[in-house]
């Protein structure tokens, strides 16, 4: 499903990156915020997020809900959230966020 980002508002989520499995096969990446779960839409950022499985992230993107009621996000940037003693990585996020 493609999100029409002209009709949607860009939002920021903080959550945990995880693989989405179906019958033992990995078929996507998700972001779990604790209260909600979001399927990451396929784009260049999905591949980059695939390297951050089991990490906490701050993700910016266009959020929508598909006809089945599943939350989806088309990622436009993210930041890996490390402990204060670790390094931090920024990927296309505004400096004021």
N, C-alpha and C. Protein backbone atom coordinates (compact mmCIF):
# COMPACT_ATOMS: atom_id res chain seq x y z
N UNK A 1 0.85 -1.18 0.00
CA UNK A 1 0.00 0.00 0.00
C UNK A 1 0.89 1.24 0.00
N UNK A 2 0.57 2.16 -0.87
CA UNK A 2 1.34 3.40 -0.95
C UNK A 2 0.60 4.51 -0.22
N UNK A 3 1.31 5.24 0.60
CA UNK A 3 0.71 6.34 1.35
C UNK A 3 0.77 7.60 0.50
N UNK A 4 -0.33 8.30 0.40
CA UNK A 4 -0.37 9.57 -0.32
C UNK A 4 0.11 10.65 0.63
N UNK A 5 1.41 10.98 0.59
CA UNK A 5 1.96 11.93 1.55
C UNK A 5 1.51 13.36 1.27
N UNK A 6 0.85 13.62 0.16
CA UNK A 6 0.28 14.95 -0.07
C UNK A 6 -0.95 15.16 0.83
N UNK A 7 -1.62 14.07 1.18
CA UNK A 7 -2.83 14.16 2.00
C UNK A 7 -2.55 13.90 3.47
N UNK A 8 -1.39 13.40 3.79
CA UNK A 8 -1.04 13.04 5.16
C UNK A 8 -0.09 14.07 5.76
N UNK A 9 -0.03 14.10 7.09
CA UNK A 9 0.86 15.00 7.81
C UNK A 9 2.06 14.20 8.33
N UNK A 10 3.25 14.75 8.20
CA UNK A 10 4.44 14.07 8.71
C UNK A 10 4.41 14.07 10.23
N UNK A 11 4.73 12.92 10.83
CA UNK A 11 4.71 12.76 12.29
C UNK A 11 6.02 12.13 12.74
N UNK A 12 6.27 12.20 14.05
CA UNK A 12 7.45 11.58 14.65
C UNK A 12 6.99 10.57 15.70
N UNK A 13 7.55 9.36 15.64
CA UNK A 13 7.25 8.28 16.58
C UNK A 13 8.54 7.86 17.27
N UNK A 14 8.42 7.41 18.51
CA UNK A 14 9.55 6.79 19.21
C UNK A 14 9.13 5.36 19.50
N UNK A 15 9.96 4.41 19.05
CA UNK A 15 9.59 3.02 19.23
C UNK A 15 10.75 2.08 19.02
N UNK A 16 10.40 0.80 18.96
CA UNK A 16 11.33 -0.31 18.89
C UNK A 16 11.19 -0.95 17.51
N UNK A 17 12.30 -1.14 16.79
CA UNK A 17 12.27 -1.74 15.46
C UNK A 17 12.24 -3.27 15.60
N UNK A 18 11.35 -3.91 14.85
CA UNK A 18 11.26 -5.37 14.90
C UNK A 18 10.90 -5.93 13.52
N UNK A 19 11.19 -7.20 13.33
CA UNK A 19 10.81 -7.89 12.10
C UNK A 19 9.36 -8.32 12.20
N UNK A 20 8.67 -8.31 11.08
CA UNK A 20 7.31 -8.83 11.00
C UNK A 20 7.40 -10.18 10.31
N UNK A 21 6.94 -11.21 11.00
CA UNK A 21 7.02 -12.57 10.46
C UNK A 21 5.63 -13.11 10.18
N UNK A 22 5.56 -13.95 9.15
CA UNK A 22 4.33 -14.64 8.80
C UNK A 22 4.69 -16.07 8.45
N UNK A 23 4.24 -17.01 9.25
CA UNK A 23 4.52 -18.43 9.04
C UNK A 23 6.01 -18.74 8.96
N UNK A 24 6.78 -18.05 9.81
CA UNK A 24 8.21 -18.30 9.88
C UNK A 24 9.06 -17.50 8.91
N UNK A 25 8.43 -16.73 8.03
CA UNK A 25 9.16 -15.92 7.05
C UNK A 25 9.09 -14.46 7.44
N UNK A 26 10.23 -13.77 7.36
CA UNK A 26 10.24 -12.33 7.60
C UNK A 26 9.69 -11.66 6.35
N UNK A 27 8.62 -10.88 6.53
CA UNK A 27 8.03 -10.21 5.36
C UNK A 27 7.85 -8.72 5.57
N UNK A 28 8.58 -8.14 6.53
CA UNK A 28 8.51 -6.71 6.72
C UNK A 28 9.19 -6.26 7.99
N UNK A 29 9.13 -4.96 8.20
CA UNK A 29 9.71 -4.34 9.40
C UNK A 29 8.61 -3.52 10.05
N UNK A 30 8.60 -3.54 11.38
CA UNK A 30 7.62 -2.77 12.12
C UNK A 30 8.28 -1.90 13.16
N UNK A 31 7.51 -0.91 13.61
CA UNK A 31 7.91 -0.04 14.72
C UNK A 31 6.84 -0.20 15.79
N UNK A 32 7.24 -0.60 16.97
CA UNK A 32 6.31 -0.72 18.08
C UNK A 32 6.55 0.42 19.06
N UNK A 33 5.50 1.20 19.34
CA UNK A 33 5.64 2.33 20.26
C UNK A 33 5.21 1.95 21.67
N UNK A 34 4.79 0.73 21.87
CA UNK A 34 4.26 0.30 23.16
C UNK A 34 2.75 0.24 23.10
N UNK A 35 2.12 1.33 22.66
CA UNK A 35 0.68 1.39 22.52
C UNK A 35 0.21 0.93 21.15
N UNK A 36 1.01 1.23 20.14
CA UNK A 36 0.63 0.97 18.75
C UNK A 36 1.77 0.27 18.02
N UNK A 37 1.42 -0.40 16.93
CA UNK A 37 2.40 -1.04 16.07
C UNK A 37 2.22 -0.48 14.67
N UNK A 38 3.31 -0.19 13.97
CA UNK A 38 3.28 0.41 12.65
C UNK A 38 4.08 -0.45 11.68
N UNK A 39 3.52 -0.73 10.52
CA UNK A 39 4.23 -1.41 9.45
C UNK A 39 4.99 -0.35 8.66
N UNK A 40 6.28 -0.60 8.43
CA UNK A 40 7.10 0.33 7.67
C UNK A 40 6.89 0.08 6.17
N UNK A 41 6.48 1.12 5.45
CA UNK A 41 6.29 1.04 4.00
C UNK A 41 7.63 0.87 3.31
N UNK A 42 7.63 0.16 2.20
CA UNK A 42 8.86 -0.09 1.45
C UNK A 42 9.34 1.19 0.76
N UNK A 43 10.55 1.59 1.08
CA UNK A 43 11.29 2.66 0.41
C UNK A 43 12.75 2.52 0.83
N UNK A 44 13.59 3.49 0.46
CA UNK A 44 15.01 3.37 0.79
C UNK A 44 15.27 3.35 2.30
N UNK A 45 14.38 3.94 3.09
CA UNK A 45 14.55 3.97 4.54
C UNK A 45 14.25 2.63 5.19
N UNK A 46 13.38 1.84 4.57
CA UNK A 46 13.05 0.52 5.13
C UNK A 46 14.30 -0.36 5.19
N UNK A 47 15.11 -0.33 4.12
CA UNK A 47 16.34 -1.12 4.10
C UNK A 47 17.30 -0.67 5.20
N UNK A 48 17.42 0.64 5.39
CA UNK A 48 18.29 1.16 6.44
C UNK A 48 17.79 0.78 7.83
N UNK A 49 16.47 0.84 8.04
CA UNK A 49 15.90 0.45 9.33
C UNK A 49 16.08 -1.05 9.60
N UNK A 50 16.17 -1.83 8.53
CA UNK A 50 16.41 -3.27 8.68
C UNK A 50 17.70 -3.58 9.41
N UNK A 51 18.62 -2.64 9.41
CA UNK A 51 19.89 -2.81 10.13
C UNK A 51 19.77 -2.40 11.59
N UNK A 52 18.62 -1.89 11.97
CA UNK A 52 18.41 -1.40 13.34
C UNK A 52 17.43 -2.28 14.13
N UNK A 53 17.23 -3.53 13.70
CA UNK A 53 16.33 -4.44 14.40
C UNK A 53 16.75 -4.53 15.86
N UNK A 54 15.77 -4.46 16.76
CA UNK A 54 15.92 -4.51 18.21
C UNK A 54 16.51 -3.24 18.81
N UNK A 55 16.57 -2.16 18.04
CA UNK A 55 17.01 -0.87 18.57
C UNK A 55 15.82 0.06 18.74
N UNK A 56 15.95 0.98 19.68
CA UNK A 56 14.97 2.04 19.84
C UNK A 56 15.31 3.15 18.87
N UNK A 57 14.28 3.72 18.25
CA UNK A 57 14.49 4.77 17.27
C UNK A 57 13.45 5.87 17.42
N UNK A 58 13.81 7.04 16.91
CA UNK A 58 12.85 8.13 16.70
C UNK A 58 12.70 8.22 15.19
N UNK A 59 11.49 7.95 14.68
CA UNK A 59 11.23 7.86 13.26
C UNK A 59 10.31 9.01 12.84
N UNK A 60 10.64 9.64 11.73
CA UNK A 60 9.79 10.66 11.14
C UNK A 60 9.24 10.12 9.83
N UNK A 61 7.94 10.36 9.60
CA UNK A 61 7.35 9.89 8.35
C UNK A 61 5.87 10.19 8.28
N UNK A 62 5.26 9.69 7.22
CA UNK A 62 3.83 9.88 6.98
C UNK A 62 3.07 8.67 7.49
N UNK A 63 2.16 8.90 8.43
CA UNK A 63 1.41 7.84 9.09
C UNK A 63 0.01 7.76 8.50
N UNK A 64 -0.47 6.54 8.30
CA UNK A 64 -1.84 6.32 7.84
C UNK A 64 -2.35 5.00 8.41
N UNK A 65 -3.58 4.69 8.10
CA UNK A 65 -4.19 3.42 8.52
C UNK A 65 -4.78 2.79 7.26
N UNK A 66 -4.45 1.51 7.03
CA UNK A 66 -4.96 0.84 5.83
C UNK A 66 -6.40 0.37 6.06
N UNK A 67 -7.07 -0.14 5.03
CA UNK A 67 -8.47 -0.55 5.17
C UNK A 67 -8.71 -1.64 6.22
N UNK A 68 -7.69 -2.42 6.54
CA UNK A 68 -7.81 -3.46 7.57
C UNK A 68 -7.58 -2.91 8.97
N UNK A 69 -7.26 -1.61 9.09
CA UNK A 69 -7.04 -1.00 10.39
C UNK A 69 -5.61 -1.02 10.88
N UNK A 70 -4.68 -1.48 10.03
CA UNK A 70 -3.26 -1.56 10.40
C UNK A 70 -2.60 -0.19 10.23
N UNK A 71 -1.87 0.25 11.25
CA UNK A 71 -1.10 1.49 11.15
C UNK A 71 0.09 1.27 10.23
N UNK A 72 0.39 2.28 9.40
CA UNK A 72 1.51 2.21 8.46
C UNK A 72 2.29 3.51 8.53
N UNK A 73 3.59 3.44 8.23
CA UNK A 73 4.41 4.65 8.19
C UNK A 73 5.35 4.59 7.00
N UNK A 74 5.37 5.68 6.23
CA UNK A 74 6.33 5.86 5.15
C UNK A 74 7.44 6.73 5.73
N UNK A 75 8.58 6.11 6.03
CA UNK A 75 9.66 6.77 6.76
C UNK A 75 10.39 7.78 5.88
N UNK A 76 10.68 8.96 6.45
CA UNK A 76 11.45 9.99 5.76
C UNK A 76 12.77 10.28 6.49
N UNK A 77 12.97 9.67 7.65
CA UNK A 77 14.21 9.82 8.40
C UNK A 77 14.08 9.17 9.75
N UNK A 78 15.23 8.86 10.36
CA UNK A 78 15.19 8.29 11.70
C UNK A 78 16.48 8.56 12.45
N UNK A 79 16.41 8.37 13.75
CA UNK A 79 17.55 8.52 14.66
C UNK A 79 17.54 7.32 15.59
N UNK A 80 18.67 6.65 15.72
CA UNK A 80 18.79 5.55 16.67
C UNK A 80 19.01 6.15 18.05
N UNK A 81 18.26 5.69 19.02
CA UNK A 81 18.36 6.22 20.39
C UNK A 81 19.21 5.26 21.22
N UNK A 82 20.37 5.75 21.62
CA UNK A 82 21.30 4.97 22.43
C UNK A 82 21.26 5.47 23.86
N UNK A 83 21.86 4.70 24.77
CA UNK A 83 22.06 5.17 26.13
C UNK A 83 22.93 6.42 26.07
N UNK A 84 22.86 7.25 27.11
CA UNK A 84 23.61 8.51 27.09
C UNK A 84 25.12 8.31 26.96
N UNK A 85 25.63 7.14 27.30
CA UNK A 85 27.06 6.87 27.19
C UNK A 85 27.47 6.39 25.80
N UNK A 86 26.49 6.07 24.95
CA UNK A 86 26.76 5.58 23.61
C UNK A 86 26.68 6.72 22.61
N UNK A 87 27.15 6.45 21.39
CA UNK A 87 27.05 7.45 20.33
C UNK A 87 25.61 7.48 19.81
N UNK A 88 25.27 8.55 19.10
CA UNK A 88 23.96 8.68 18.49
C UNK A 88 24.13 8.84 16.98
N UNK A 89 23.19 8.32 16.23
CA UNK A 89 23.22 8.45 14.78
C UNK A 89 21.97 9.17 14.32
N UNK A 90 22.13 10.16 13.46
CA UNK A 90 21.01 10.89 12.88
C UNK A 90 20.94 10.59 11.39
N UNK A 91 19.73 10.40 10.91
CA UNK A 91 19.51 10.16 9.50
C UNK A 91 18.38 11.05 9.02
N UNK A 92 18.74 12.21 8.45
CA UNK A 92 17.79 13.10 7.80
C UNK A 92 16.71 13.64 8.73
N UNK A 93 17.04 13.93 9.97
CA UNK A 93 16.10 14.55 10.90
C UNK A 93 16.48 16.01 11.09
N UNK A 94 15.49 16.85 11.30
CA UNK A 94 15.76 18.25 11.55
C UNK A 94 16.50 18.42 12.86
N UNK A 95 17.34 19.46 12.93
CA UNK A 95 18.13 19.70 14.14
C UNK A 95 17.28 20.09 15.34
N UNK A 96 16.09 20.66 15.11
CA UNK A 96 15.27 21.12 16.22
C UNK A 96 14.40 20.02 16.81
N UNK A 97 14.44 18.82 16.28
CA UNK A 97 13.61 17.73 16.82
C UNK A 97 14.32 16.99 17.91
